[in-house]
Amino acid sequence: MIIDGSRLVVTDNSGAKEVECIKTRGRYASIGDIITCSVKKAVRGKVTQGQVVKAVIVETKKEVQRKDGSVIKFDRNSAVLVNPKGIPIGTRVLGFVTHELRARQMMKVLSLAARVF
């Protein structure tokens, strides 16, 4: 569950290391939602510190219940940076990505991920 002001780890190679959520659609955001973020920590890459970007949430500490009854949760909140059309900025996704992104039509993020959970 991501609210305004939450910090997320970036799990792609776009150059950003940490982002802060500026705005969500609704009260909170969960896995698969697109949020507006500000880059707080960055190394040399495609984005710079202070830049406002869009991101897709791929991991949350709050548990998510699947339709088969299983529950998944992660030890961190993380996101993948995307452009306004929903295409990832980076060329690799380093962390876990869940199957819930398939229902949200984020196929490009799923295809770049090494580990789909």
PDB file of N, CA and C in Angstrom:
ATOM      1  N   MET A   1       0.852  -1.169   0.000  1.00  0.00           N
ATOM      2  CA  MET A   1       0.000   0.000   0.000  1.00  0.00           C
ATOM      3  C   MET A   1       0.898   1.232   0.000  1.00  0.00           C
ATOM      4  N   ILE A   2       0.857   1.980  -1.071  1.00  0.00           N
ATOM      5  CA  ILE A   2       1.714   3.145  -1.256  1.00  0.00           C
ATOM      6  C   ILE A   2       0.846   4.399  -1.173  1.00  0.00           C
ATOM      7  N   ILE A   3       1.249   5.342  -0.333  1.00  0.00           N
ATOM      8  CA  ILE A   3       0.540   6.609  -0.206  1.00  0.00           C
ATOM      9  C   ILE A   3       1.490   7.736  -0.597  1.00  0.00           C
ATOM     10  N   ASP A   4       0.974   8.952  -0.653  1.00  0.00           N
ATOM     11  CA  ASP A   4       1.812  10.103  -0.981  1.00  0.00           C
ATOM     12  C   ASP A   4       2.904  10.254   0.072  1.00  0.00           C
ATOM     13  N   GLY A   5       4.147  10.413  -0.373  1.00  0.00           N
ATOM     14  CA  GLY A   5       5.279  10.543   0.540  1.00  0.00           C
ATOM     15  C   GLY A   5       6.040   9.258   0.763  1.00  0.00           C
ATOM     16  N   SER A   6       5.532   8.120   0.274  1.00  0.00           N
ATOM     17  CA  SER A   6       6.231   6.844   0.433  1.00  0.00           C
ATOM     18  C   SER A   6       7.475   6.819  -0.438  1.00  0.00           C
ATOM     19  N   ARG A   7       8.530   6.199   0.083  1.00  0.00           N
ATOM     20  CA  ARG A   7       9.767   6.041  -0.685  1.00  0.00           C
ATOM     21  C   ARG A   7       9.836   4.624  -1.233  1.00  0.00           C
ATOM     22  N   LEU A   8      10.271   4.502  -2.480  1.00  0.00           N
ATOM     23  CA  LEU A   8      10.360   3.214  -3.149  1.00  0.00           C
ATOM     24  C   LEU A   8      11.743   3.031  -3.742  1.00  0.00           C
ATOM     25  N   VAL A   9      12.207   1.788  -3.759  1.00  0.00           N
ATOM     26  CA  VAL A   9      13.463   1.421  -4.398  1.00  0.00           C
ATOM     27  C   VAL A   9      13.172   1.177  -5.876  1.00  0.00           C
ATOM     28  N   VAL A  10      14.045   1.654  -6.748  1.00  0.00           N
ATOM     29  CA  VAL A  10      13.867   1.461  -8.194  1.00  0.00           C
ATOM     30  C   VAL A  10      14.629   0.206  -8.604  1.00  0.00           C
ATOM     31  N   THR A  11      13.929  -0.736  -9.272  1.00  0.00           N
ATOM     32  CA  THR A  11      14.537  -2.016  -9.614  1.00  0.00           C
ATOM     33  C   THR A  11      14.804  -2.155 -11.108  1.00  0.00           C
ATOM     34  N   ASP A  12      15.210  -1.069 -11.746  1.00  0.00           N
ATOM     35  CA  ASP A  12      15.638  -1.157 -13.138  1.00  0.00           C
ATOM     36  C   ASP A  12      16.943  -0.387 -13.309  1.00  0.00           C
ATOM     37  N   ASN A  13      17.467  -0.375 -14.521  1.00  0.00           N
ATOM     38  CA  ASN A  13      18.762   0.270 -14.761  1.00  0.00           C
ATOM     39  C   ASN A  13      18.600   1.644 -15.412  1.00  0.00           C
ATOM     40  N   SER A  14      17.586   2.388 -15.011  1.00  0.00           N
ATOM     41  CA  SER A  14      17.347   3.719 -15.572  1.00  0.00           C
ATOM     42  C   SER A  14      18.270   4.780 -14.985  1.00  0.00           C
ATOM     43  N   GLY A  15      18.924   4.491 -13.869  1.00  0.00           N
ATOM     44  CA  GLY A  15      19.809   5.449 -13.228  1.00  0.00           C
ATOM     45  C   GLY A  15      19.290   5.922 -11.888  1.00  0.00           C
ATOM     46  N   ALA A  16      17.998   5.811 -11.645  1.00  0.00           N
ATOM     47  CA  ALA A  16      17.420   6.194 -10.353  1.00  0.00           C
ATOM     48  C   ALA A  16      17.604   5.054  -9.357  1.00  0.00           C
ATOM     49  N   LYS A  17      17.866   5.397  -8.110  1.00  0.00           N
ATOM     50  CA  LYS A  17      18.001   4.394  -7.055  1.00  0.00           C
ATOM     51  C   LYS A  17      16.831   4.438  -6.082  1.00  0.00           C
ATOM     52  N   GLU A  18      16.293   5.635  -5.836  1.00  0.00           N
ATOM     53  CA  GLU A  18      15.179   5.783  -4.904  1.00  0.00           C
ATOM     54  C   GLU A  18      14.268   6.903  -5.389  1.00  0.00           C
ATOM     55  N   VAL A  19      12.954   6.680  -5.281  1.00  0.00           N
ATOM     56  CA  VAL A  19      11.972   7.686  -5.660  1.00  0.00           C
ATOM     57  C   VAL A  19      10.983   7.888  -4.515  1.00  0.00           C
ATOM     58  N   GLU A  20      10.351   9.060  -4.513  1.00  0.00           N
ATOM     59  CA  GLU A  20       9.315   9.357  -3.530  1.00  0.00           C
ATOM     60  C   GLU A  20       8.001   9.589  -4.262  1.00  0.00           C
ATOM     61  N   CYS A  21       6.952   8.944  -3.793  1.00  0.00           N
ATOM     62  CA  CYS A  21       5.637   9.070  -4.411  1.00  0.00           C
ATOM     63  C   CYS A  21       5.093  10.476  -4.187  1.00  0.00           C
ATOM     64  N   ILE A  22       4.723  11.141  -5.263  1.00  0.00           N
ATOM     65  CA  ILE A  22       4.121  12.469  -5.183  1.00  0.00           C
ATOM     66  C   ILE A  22       2.600  12.349  -5.207  1.00  0.00           C
ATOM     67  N   LYS A  23       2.079  11.523  -6.111  1.00  0.00           N
ATOM     68  CA  LYS A  23       0.632  11.438  -6.272  1.00  0.00           C
ATOM     69  C   LYS A  23       0.217  10.049  -6.727  1.00  0.00           C
ATOM     70  N   THR A  24      -0.860   9.543  -6.126  1.00  0.00           N
ATOM     71  CA  THR A  24      -1.465   8.287  -6.535  1.00  0.00           C
ATOM     72  C   THR A  24      -2.851   8.578  -7.096  1.00  0.00           C
ATOM     73  N   ARG A  25      -3.389   7.635  -7.823  1.00  0.00           N
ATOM     74  CA  ARG A  25      -4.775   7.754  -8.280  1.00  0.00           C
ATOM     75  C   ARG A  25      -5.645   7.133  -7.200  1.00  0.00           C
ATOM     76  N   GLY A  26      -6.291   7.953  -6.429  1.00  0.00           N
ATOM     77  CA  GLY A  26      -7.088   7.441  -5.316  1.00  0.00           C
ATOM     78  C   GLY A  26      -6.344   7.610  -4.005  1.00  0.00           C
ATOM     79  N   ARG A  27      -6.820   6.918  -2.974  1.00  0.00           N
ATOM     80  CA  ARG A  27      -6.255   7.075  -1.641  1.00  0.00           C
ATOM     81  C   ARG A  27      -4.889   6.403  -1.514  1.00  0.00           C
ATOM     82  N   TYR A  28      -4.726   5.239  -2.141  1.00  0.00           N
ATOM     83  CA  TYR A  28      -3.459   4.517  -2.078  1.00  0.00           C
ATOM     84  C   TYR A  28      -3.263   3.735  -3.366  1.00  0.00           C
ATOM     85  N   ALA A  29      -2.051   3.214  -3.561  1.00  0.00           N
ATOM     86  CA  ALA A  29      -1.730   2.434  -4.755  1.00  0.00           C
ATOM     87  C   ALA A  29      -1.187   1.078  -4.334  1.00  0.00           C
ATOM     88  N   SER A  30      -1.366   0.086  -5.190  1.00  0.00           N
ATOM     89  CA  SER A  30      -0.898  -1.272  -4.922  1.00  0.00           C
ATOM     90  C   SER A  30      -0.121  -1.771  -6.138  1.00  0.00           C
ATOM     91  N   ILE A  31       0.179  -3.063  -6.162  1.00  0.00           N
ATOM     92  CA  ILE A  31       0.972  -3.650  -7.241  1.00  0.00           C
ATOM     93  C   ILE A  31       0.259  -3.461  -8.580  1.00  0.00           C
ATOM     94  N   GLY A  32       0.991  -2.955  -9.567  1.00  0.00           N
ATOM     95  CA  GLY A  32       0.451  -2.737 -10.899  1.00  0.00           C
ATOM     96  C   GLY A  32      -0.053  -1.339 -11.162  1.00  0.00           C
ATOM     97  N   ASP A  33      -0.185  -0.514 -10.128  1.00  0.00           N
ATOM     98  CA  ASP A  33      -0.674   0.849 -10.306  1.00  0.00           C
ATOM     99  C   ASP A  33       0.453   1.764 -10.781  1.00  0.00           C
ATOM    100  N   ILE A  34       0.095   2.778 -11.561  1.00  0.00           N
ATOM    101  CA  ILE A  34       1.055   3.780 -12.019  1.00  0.00           C
ATOM    102  C   ILE A  34       0.932   4.997 -11.114  1.00  0.00           C
ATOM    103  N   ILE A  35       2.066   5.464 -10.594  1.00  0.00           N
ATOM    104  CA  ILE A  35       2.097   6.611  -9.694  1.00  0.00           C
ATOM    105  C   ILE A  35       3.050   7.660 -10.251  1.00  0.00           C
ATOM    106  N   THR A  36       2.939   8.879  -9.758  1.00  0.00           N
ATOM    107  CA  THR A  36       3.856   9.958 -10.114  1.00  0.00           C
ATOM    108  C   THR A  36       4.888  10.081  -9.008  1.00  0.00           C
ATOM    109  N   CYS A  37       6.170  10.129  -9.383  1.00  0.00           N
ATOM    110  CA  CYS A  37       7.255  10.117  -8.404  1.00  0.00           C
ATOM    111  C   CYS A  37       8.265  11.216  -8.688  1.00  0.00           C
ATOM    112  N   SER A  38       9.032  11.532  -7.650  1.00  0.00           N
ATOM    113  CA  SER A  38      10.177  12.421  -7.768  1.00  0.00           C
ATOM    114  C   SER A  38      11.428  11.604  -7.472  1.00  0.00           C
ATOM    115  N   VAL A  39      12.446  11.729  -8.302  1.00  0.00           N
ATOM    116  CA  VAL A  39      13.685  10.978  -8.109  1.00  0.00           C
ATOM    117  C   VAL A  39      14.466  11.617  -6.967  1.00  0.00           C
ATOM    118  N   LYS A  40      14.747  10.839  -5.912  1.00  0.00           N
ATOM    119  CA  LYS A  40      15.451  11.351  -4.741  1.00  0.00           C
ATOM    120  C   LYS A  40      16.936  11.007  -4.765  1.00  0.00           C
ATOM    121  N   LYS A  41      17.291   9.810  -5.237  1.00  0.00           N
ATOM    122  CA  LYS A  41      18.694   9.406  -5.353  1.00  0.00           C
ATOM    123  C   LYS A  41      18.899   8.837  -6.744  1.00  0.00           C
ATOM    124  N   ALA A  42      19.969   9.269  -7.404  1.00  0.00           N
ATOM    125  CA  ALA A  42      20.233   8.801  -8.758  1.00  0.00           C
ATOM    126  C   ALA A  42      21.728   8.763  -9.017  1.00  0.00           C
ATOM    127  N   VAL A  43      22.125   7.854  -9.886  1.00  0.00           N
ATOM    128  CA  VAL A  43      23.483   7.815 -10.409  1.00  0.00           C
ATOM    129  C   VAL A  43      23.386   8.243 -11.872  1.00  0.00           C
ATOM    130  N   ARG A  44      24.498   8.295 -12.544  1.00  0.00           N
ATOM    131  CA  ARG A  44      24.485   8.728 -13.938  1.00  0.00           C
ATOM    132  C   ARG A  44      23.640   7.755 -14.765  1.00  0.00           C
ATOM    133  N   GLY A  45      22.707   8.287 -15.514  1.00  0.00           N
ATOM    134  CA  GLY A  45      21.819   7.447 -16.309  1.00  0.00           C
ATOM    135  C   GLY A  45      20.817   8.273 -17.075  1.00  0.00           C
ATOM    136  N   LYS A  46      19.650   7.693 -17.332  1.00  0.00           N
ATOM    137  CA  LYS A  46      18.633   8.356 -18.146  1.00  0.00           C
ATOM    138  C   LYS A  46      17.792   9.349 -17.367  1.00  0.00           C
ATOM    139  N   VAL A  47      17.813   9.279 -16.039  1.00  0.00           N
ATOM    140  CA  VAL A  47      17.059  10.229 -15.217  1.00  0.00           C
ATOM    141  C   VAL A  47      18.015  10.930 -14.264  1.00  0.00           C
ATOM    142  N   THR A  48      17.604  12.108 -13.792  1.00  0.00           N
ATOM    143  CA  THR A  48      18.436  12.868 -12.871  1.00  0.00           C
ATOM    144  C   THR A  48      17.682  13.112 -11.575  1.00  0.00           C
ATOM    145  N   GLN A  49      18.419  13.476 -10.556  1.00  0.00           N
ATOM    146  CA  GLN A  49      17.823  13.742  -9.257  1.00  0.00           C
ATOM    147  C   GLN A  49      16.895  14.955  -9.353  1.00  0.00           C
ATOM    148  N   GLY A  50      15.701  14.854  -8.772  1.00  0.00           N
ATOM    149  CA  GLY A  50      14.723  15.926  -8.806  1.00  0.00           C
ATOM    150  C   GLY A  50      13.748  15.846  -9.962  1.00  0.00           C
ATOM    151  N   GLN A  51      13.991  14.960 -10.893  1.00  0.00           N
ATOM    152  CA  GLN A  51      13.112  14.823 -12.050  1.00  0.00           C
ATOM    153  C   GLN A  51      11.799  14.150 -11.639  1.00  0.00           C
ATOM    154  N   VAL A  52      10.694  14.571 -12.234  1.00  0.00           N
ATOM    155  CA  VAL A  52       9.383  13.973 -11.966  1.00  0.00           C
ATOM    156  C   VAL A  52       9.110  12.928 -13.044  1.00  0.00           C
ATOM    157  N   VAL A  53       8.818  11.690 -12.613  1.00  0.00           N
ATOM    158  CA  VAL A  53       8.629  10.570 -13.529  1.00  0.00           C
ATOM    159  C   VAL A  53       7.402   9.762 -13.106  1.00  0.00           C
ATOM    160  N   LYS A  54       6.964   8.877 -13.999  1.00  0.00           N
ATOM    161  CA  LYS A  54       5.911   7.904 -13.686  1.00  0.00           C
ATOM    162  C   LYS A  54       6.582   6.580 -13.343  1.00  0.00           C
ATOM    163  N   ALA A  55       5.928   5.786 -12.494  1.00  0.00           N
ATOM    164  CA  ALA A  55       6.483   4.497 -12.100  1.00  0.00           C
ATOM    165  C   ALA A  55       5.362   3.487 -11.901  1.00  0.00           C
ATOM    166  N   VAL A  56       5.670   2.210 -12.178  1.00  0.00           N
ATOM    167  CA  VAL A  56       4.752   1.106 -11.928  1.00  0.00           C
ATOM    168  C   VAL A  56       5.229   0.391 -10.672  1.00  0.00           C
ATOM    169  N   ILE A  57       4.342   0.159  -9.736  1.00  0.00           N
ATOM    170  CA  ILE A  57       4.697  -0.533  -8.498  1.00  0.00           C
ATOM    171  C   ILE A  57       4.783  -2.027  -8.787  1.00  0.00           C
ATOM    172  N   VAL A  58       5.913  -2.659  -8.408  1.00  0.00           N
ATOM    173  CA  VAL A  58       6.093  -4.091  -8.652  1.00  0.00           C
ATOM    174  C   VAL A  58       6.210  -4.907  -7.367  1.00  0.00           C
ATOM    175  N   GLU A  59       6.576  -4.305  -6.250  1.00  0.00           N
ATOM    176  CA  GLU A  59       6.660  -5.004  -4.966  1.00  0.00           C
ATOM    177  C   GLU A  59       6.135  -4.082  -3.872  1.00  0.00           C
ATOM    178  N   THR A  60       5.388  -4.644  -2.914  1.00  0.00           N
ATOM    179  CA  THR A  60       4.935  -3.877  -1.757  1.00  0.00           C
ATOM    180  C   THR A  60       5.091  -4.705  -0.494  1.00  0.00           C
ATOM    181  N   LYS A  61       5.273  -4.023   0.623  1.00  0.00           N
ATOM    182  CA  LYS A  61       5.330  -4.704   1.913  1.00  0.00           C
ATOM    183  C   LYS A  61       3.953  -5.196   2.338  1.00  0.00           C
ATOM    184  N   LYS A  62       2.913  -4.514   1.905  1.00  0.00           N
ATOM    185  CA  LYS A  62       1.543  -4.922   2.227  1.00  0.00           C
ATOM    186  C   LYS A  62       1.193  -6.166   1.424  1.00  0.00           C
ATOM    187  N   GLU A  63       0.626  -7.167   2.101  1.00  0.00           N
ATOM    188  CA  GLU A  63       0.315  -8.421   1.423  1.00  0.00           C
ATOM    189  C   GLU A  63      -0.826  -8.238   0.417  1.00  0.00           C
ATOM    190  N   VAL A  64      -0.753  -9.023  -0.665  1.00  0.00           N
ATOM    191  CA  VAL A  64      -1.759  -9.018  -1.720  1.00  0.00           C
ATOM    192  C   VAL A  64      -2.294 -10.433  -1.839  1.00  0.00           C
ATOM    193  N   GLN A  65      -3.623 -10.571  -1.802  1.00  0.00           N
ATOM    194  CA  GLN A  65      -4.224 -11.892  -1.901  1.00  0.00           C
ATOM    195  C   GLN A  65      -4.573 -12.181  -3.350  1.00  0.00           C
ATOM    196  N   ARG A  66      -4.160 -13.365  -3.812  1.00  0.00           N
ATOM    197  CA  ARG A  66      -4.442 -13.768  -5.178  1.00  0.00           C
ATOM    198  C   ARG A  66      -5.774 -14.507  -5.244  1.00  0.00           C
ATOM    199  N   LYS A  67      -6.249 -14.740  -6.459  1.00  0.00           N
ATOM    200  CA  LYS A  67      -7.550 -15.394  -6.629  1.00  0.00           C
ATOM    201  C   LYS A  67      -7.540 -16.839  -6.148  1.00  0.00           C
ATOM    202  N   ASP A  68      -6.376 -17.497  -6.170  1.00  0.00           N
ATOM    203  CA  ASP A  68      -6.311 -18.885  -5.711  1.00  0.00           C
ATOM    204  C   ASP A  68      -6.201 -18.995  -4.188  1.00  0.00           C
ATOM    205  N   GLY A  69      -6.195 -17.869  -3.489  1.00  0.00           N
ATOM    206  CA  GLY A  69      -6.151 -17.877  -2.031  1.00  0.00           C
ATOM    207  C   GLY A  69      -4.774 -17.651  -1.446  1.00  0.00           C
ATOM    208  N   SER A  70      -3.728 -17.727  -2.259  1.00  0.00           N
ATOM    209  CA  SER A  70      -2.380 -17.509  -1.746  1.00  0.00           C
ATOM    210  C   SER A  70      -2.142 -16.020  -1.501  1.00  0.00           C
ATOM    211  N   VAL A  71      -1.225 -15.737  -0.598  1.00  0.00           N
ATOM    212  CA  VAL A  71      -0.911 -14.364  -0.222  1.00  0.00           C
ATOM    213  C   VAL A  71       0.565 -14.125  -0.497  1.00  0.00           C
ATOM    214  N   ILE A  72       0.889 -12.986  -1.130  1.00  0.00           N
ATOM    215  CA  ILE A  72       2.284 -12.646  -1.376  1.00  0.00           C
ATOM    216  C   ILE A  72       2.583 -11.285  -0.774  1.00  0.00           C
ATOM    217  N   LYS A  73       3.792 -11.137  -0.270  1.00  0.00           N
ATOM    218  CA  LYS A  73       4.287  -9.840   0.182  1.00  0.00           C
ATOM    219  C   LYS A  73       5.797  -9.860   0.077  1.00  0.00           C
ATOM    220  N   PHE A  74       6.385  -8.686   0.035  1.00  0.00           N
ATOM    221  CA  PHE A  74       7.819  -8.548  -0.147  1.00  0.00           C
ATOM    222  C   PHE A  74       8.403  -7.776   1.023  1.00  0.00           C
ATOM    223  N   ASP A  75       9.719  -7.731   1.104  1.00  0.00           N
ATOM    224  CA  ASP A  75      10.377  -7.046   2.216  1.00  0.00           C
ATOM    225  C   ASP A  75      10.682  -5.586   1.905  1.00  0.00           C
ATOM    226  N   ARG A  76      10.265  -5.094   0.731  1.00  0.00           N
ATOM    227  CA  ARG A  76      10.502  -3.696   0.373  1.00  0.00           C
ATOM    228  C   ARG A  76       9.419  -3.234  -0.593  1.00  0.00           C
ATOM    229  N   ASN A  77       9.312  -1.924  -0.719  1.00  0.00           N
ATOM    230  CA  ASN A  77       8.446  -1.316  -1.725  1.00  0.00           C
ATOM    231  C   ASN A  77       9.328  -0.943  -2.911  1.00  0.00           C
ATOM    232  N   SER A  78       8.996  -1.413  -4.093  1.00  0.00           N
ATOM    233  CA  SER A  78       9.835  -1.101  -5.246  1.00  0.00           C
ATOM    234  C   SER A  78       8.983  -0.808  -6.474  1.00  0.00           C
ATOM    235  N   ALA A  79       9.619  -0.146  -7.441  1.00  0.00           N
ATOM    236  CA  ALA A  79       8.919   0.286  -8.648  1.00  0.00           C
ATOM    237  C   ALA A  79       9.856   0.239  -9.845  1.00  0.00           C
ATOM    238  N   VAL A  80       9.263   0.287 -11.028  1.00  0.00           N
ATOM    239  CA  VAL A  80       9.981   0.366 -12.294  1.00  0.00           C
ATOM    240  C   VAL A  80       9.538   1.658 -12.969  1.00  0.00           C
ATOM    241  N   LEU A  81      10.492   2.477 -13.404  1.00  0.00           N
ATOM    242  CA  LEU A  81      10.162   3.752 -14.038  1.00  0.00           C
ATOM    243  C   LEU A  81       9.663   3.527 -15.464  1.00  0.00           C
ATOM    244  N   VAL A  82       8.600   4.249 -15.822  1.00  0.00           N
ATOM    245  CA  VAL A  82       8.022   4.137 -17.162  1.00  0.00           C
ATOM    246  C   VAL A  82       7.799   5.533 -17.728  1.00  0.00           C
ATOM    247  N   ASN A  83       7.652   5.607 -19.055  1.00  0.00           N
ATOM    248  CA  ASN A  83       7.318   6.883 -19.680  1.00  0.00           C
ATOM    249  C   ASN A  83       5.798   7.060 -19.639  1.00  0.00           C
ATOM    250  N   PRO A  84       5.254   8.186 -20.077  1.00  0.00           N
ATOM    251  CA  PRO A  84       3.794   8.382 -20.004  1.00  0.00           C
ATOM    252  C   PRO A  84       2.971   7.354 -20.779  1.00  0.00           C
ATOM    253  N   LYS A  85       3.564   6.679 -21.767  1.00  0.00           N
ATOM    254  CA  LYS A  85       2.842   5.645 -22.511  1.00  0.00           C
ATOM    255  C   LYS A  85       2.889   4.285 -21.820  1.00  0.00           C
ATOM    256  N   GLY A  86       3.667   4.155 -20.744  1.00  0.00           N
ATOM    257  CA  GLY A  86       3.741   2.893 -20.012  1.00  0.00           C
ATOM    258  C   GLY A  86       4.897   2.000 -20.414  1.00  0.00           C
ATOM    259  N   ILE A  87       5.805   2.494 -21.241  1.00  0.00           N
ATOM    260  CA  ILE A  87       6.969   1.711 -21.672  1.00  0.00           C
ATOM    261  C   ILE A  87       8.114   1.982 -20.700  1.00  0.00           C
ATOM    262  N   PRO A  88       8.813   0.944 -20.223  1.00  0.00           N
ATOM    263  CA  PRO A  88       9.890   1.153 -19.243  1.00  0.00           C
ATOM    264  C   PRO A  88      11.016   2.028 -19.782  1.00  0.00           C
ATOM    265  N   ILE A  89      11.585   2.856 -18.901  1.00  0.00           N
ATOM    266  CA  ILE A  89      12.703   3.724 -19.269  1.00  0.00           C
ATOM    267  C   ILE A  89      13.990   2.915 -19.350  1.00  0.00           C
ATOM    268  N   GLY A  90      14.190   2.004 -18.414  1.00  0.00           N
ATOM    269  CA  GLY A  90      15.382   1.160 -18.400  1.00  0.00           C
ATOM    270  C   GLY A  90      15.259  -0.001 -19.372  1.00  0.00           C
ATOM    271  N   THR A  91      16.378  -0.733 -19.521  1.00  0.00           N
ATOM    272  CA  THR A  91      16.391  -1.880 -20.427  1.00  0.00           C
ATOM    273  C   THR A  91      16.412  -3.210 -19.692  1.00  0.00           C
ATOM    274  N   ARG A  92      16.558  -3.186 -18.368  1.00  0.00           N
ATOM    275  CA  ARG A  92      16.537  -4.409 -17.561  1.00  0.00           C
ATOM    276  C   ARG A  92      15.733  -4.160 -16.294  1.00  0.00           C
ATOM    277  N   VAL A  93      15.032  -5.181 -15.834  1.00  0.00           N
ATOM    278  CA  VAL A  93      14.333  -5.142 -14.551  1.00  0.00           C
ATOM    279  C   VAL A  93      15.031  -6.154 -13.661  1.00  0.00           C
ATOM    280  N   LEU A  94      15.558  -5.686 -12.522  1.00  0.00           N
ATOM    281  CA  LEU A  94      16.464  -6.504 -11.728  1.00  0.00           C
ATOM    282  C   LEU A  94      15.777  -7.307 -10.633  1.00  0.00           C
ATOM    283  N   GLY A  95      14.685  -6.855 -10.093  1.00  0.00           N
ATOM    284  CA  GLY A  95      14.039  -7.541  -8.979  1.00  0.00           C
ATOM    285  C   GLY A  95      12.918  -8.451  -9.441  1.00  0.00           C
ATOM    286  N   PHE A  96      12.069  -8.838  -8.484  1.00  0.00           N
ATOM    287  CA  PHE A  96      10.910  -9.664  -8.773  1.00  0.00           C
ATOM    288  C   PHE A  96       9.799  -8.825  -9.388  1.00  0.00           C
ATOM    289  N   VAL A  97       9.022  -9.451 -10.251  1.00  0.00           N
ATOM    290  CA  VAL A  97       7.830  -8.843 -10.830  1.00  0.00           C
ATOM    291  C   VAL A  97       6.714  -9.874 -10.689  1.00  0.00           C
ATOM    292  N   THR A  98       5.517  -9.438 -10.318  1.00  0.00           N
ATOM    293  CA  THR A  98       4.423 -10.375 -10.073  1.00  0.00           C
ATOM    294  C   THR A  98       3.532 -10.536 -11.299  1.00  0.00           C
ATOM    295  N   HIS A  99       2.755 -11.626 -11.294  1.00  0.00           N
ATOM    296  CA  HIS A  99       1.829 -11.898 -12.395  1.00  0.00           C
ATOM    297  C   HIS A  99       0.677 -10.905 -12.442  1.00  0.00           C
ATOM    298  N   GLU A 100       0.450 -10.155 -11.368  1.00  0.00           N
ATOM    299  CA  GLU A 100      -0.637  -9.181 -11.358  1.00  0.00           C
ATOM    300  C   GLU A 100      -0.450  -8.090 -12.411  1.00  0.00           C
ATOM    301  N   LEU A 101       0.778  -7.892 -12.887  1.00  0.00           N
ATOM    302  CA  LEU A 101       1.023  -6.897 -13.941  1.00  0.00           C
ATOM    303  C   LEU A 101       0.426  -7.329 -15.277  1.00  0.00           C
ATOM    304  N   ARG A 102       0.234  -8.631 -15.470  1.00  0.00           N
ATOM    305  CA  ARG A 102      -0.339  -9.116 -16.720  1.00  0.00           C
ATOM    306  C   ARG A 102      -1.783  -8.625 -16.884  1.00  0.00           C
ATOM    307  N   ALA A 103      -2.527  -8.573 -15.790  1.00  0.00           N
ATOM    308  CA  ALA A 103      -3.909  -8.084 -15.849  1.00  0.00           C
ATOM    309  C   ALA A 103      -3.958  -6.579 -16.098  1.00  0.00           C
ATOM    310  N   ARG A 104      -2.881  -5.867 -15.769  1.00  0.00           N
ATOM    311  CA  ARG A 104      -2.820  -4.415 -15.972  1.00  0.00           C
ATOM    312  C   ARG A 104      -2.198  -4.042 -17.317  1.00  0.00           C
ATOM    313  N   GLN A 105      -1.961  -5.028 -18.193  1.00  0.00           N
ATOM    314  CA  GLN A 105      -1.414  -4.816 -19.536  1.00  0.00           C
ATOM    315  C   GLN A 105      -0.005  -4.236 -19.515  1.00  0.00           C
ATOM    316  N   MET A 106       0.820  -4.634 -18.565  1.00  0.00           N
ATOM    317  CA  MET A 106       2.213  -4.195 -18.480  1.00  0.00           C
ATOM    318  C   MET A 106       3.133  -5.296 -19.025  1.00  0.00           C
ATOM    319  N   MET A 107       2.883  -5.728 -20.248  1.00  0.00           N
ATOM    320  CA  MET A 107       3.613  -6.850 -20.838  1.00  0.00           C
ATOM    321  C   MET A 107       5.090  -6.539 -21.054  1.00  0.00           C
ATOM    322  N   LYS A 108       5.422  -5.295 -21.371  1.00  0.00           N
ATOM    323  CA  LYS A 108       6.819  -4.939 -21.615  1.00  0.00           C
ATOM    324  C   LYS A 108       7.631  -5.057 -20.334  1.00  0.00           C
ATOM    325  N   VAL A 109       7.059  -4.666 -19.200  1.00  0.00           N
ATOM    326  CA  VAL A 109       7.748  -4.808 -17.917  1.00  0.00           C
ATOM    327  C   VAL A 109       7.935  -6.288 -17.605  1.00  0.00           C
ATOM    328  N   LEU A 110       6.920  -7.103 -17.858  1.00  0.00           N
ATOM    329  CA  LEU A 110       7.022  -8.543 -17.616  1.00  0.00           C
ATOM    330  C   LEU A 110       8.085  -9.187 -18.499  1.00  0.00           C
ATOM    331  N   SER A 111       8.191  -8.755 -19.752  1.00  0.00           N
ATOM    332  CA  SER A 111       9.165  -9.367 -20.654  1.00  0.00           C
ATOM    333  C   SER A 111      10.598  -8.986 -20.296  1.00  0.00           C
ATOM    334  N   LEU A 112      10.803  -7.821 -19.681  1.00  0.00           N
ATOM    335  CA  LEU A 112      12.153  -7.407 -19.293  1.00  0.00           C
ATOM    336  C   LEU A 112      12.594  -8.027 -17.972  1.00  0.00           C
ATOM    337  N   ALA A 113      11.655  -8.507 -17.173  1.00  0.00           N
ATOM    338  CA  ALA A 113      11.980  -9.019 -15.842  1.00  0.00           C
ATOM    339  C   ALA A 113      12.652 -10.380 -15.933  1.00  0.00           C
ATOM    340  N   ALA A 114      13.666 -10.570 -15.089  1.00  0.00           N
ATOM    341  CA  ALA A 114      14.353 -11.854 -15.031  1.00  0.00           C
ATOM    342  C   ALA A 114      13.565 -12.853 -14.197  1.00  0.00           C
ATOM    343  N   ARG A 115      12.880 -12.362 -13.152  1.00  0.00           N
ATOM    344  CA  ARG A 115      12.151 -13.249 -12.247  1.00  0.00           C
ATOM    345  C   ARG A 115      10.703 -12.787 -12.120  1.00  0.00           C
ATOM    346  N   VAL A 116       9.786 -13.603 -12.632  1.00  0.00           N
ATOM    347  CA  VAL A 116       8.356 -13.320 -12.505  1.00  0.00           C
ATOM    348  C   VAL A 116       7.817 -14.227 -11.418  1.00  0.00           C
ATOM    349  N   PHE A 117       7.174 -13.624 -10.420  1.00  0.00           N
ATOM    350  CA  PHE A 117       6.738 -14.360  -9.235  1.00  0.00           C
ATOM    351  C   PHE A 117       5.235 -14.459  -9.210  1.00  0.00           C
TER     352      PHE A 117
END
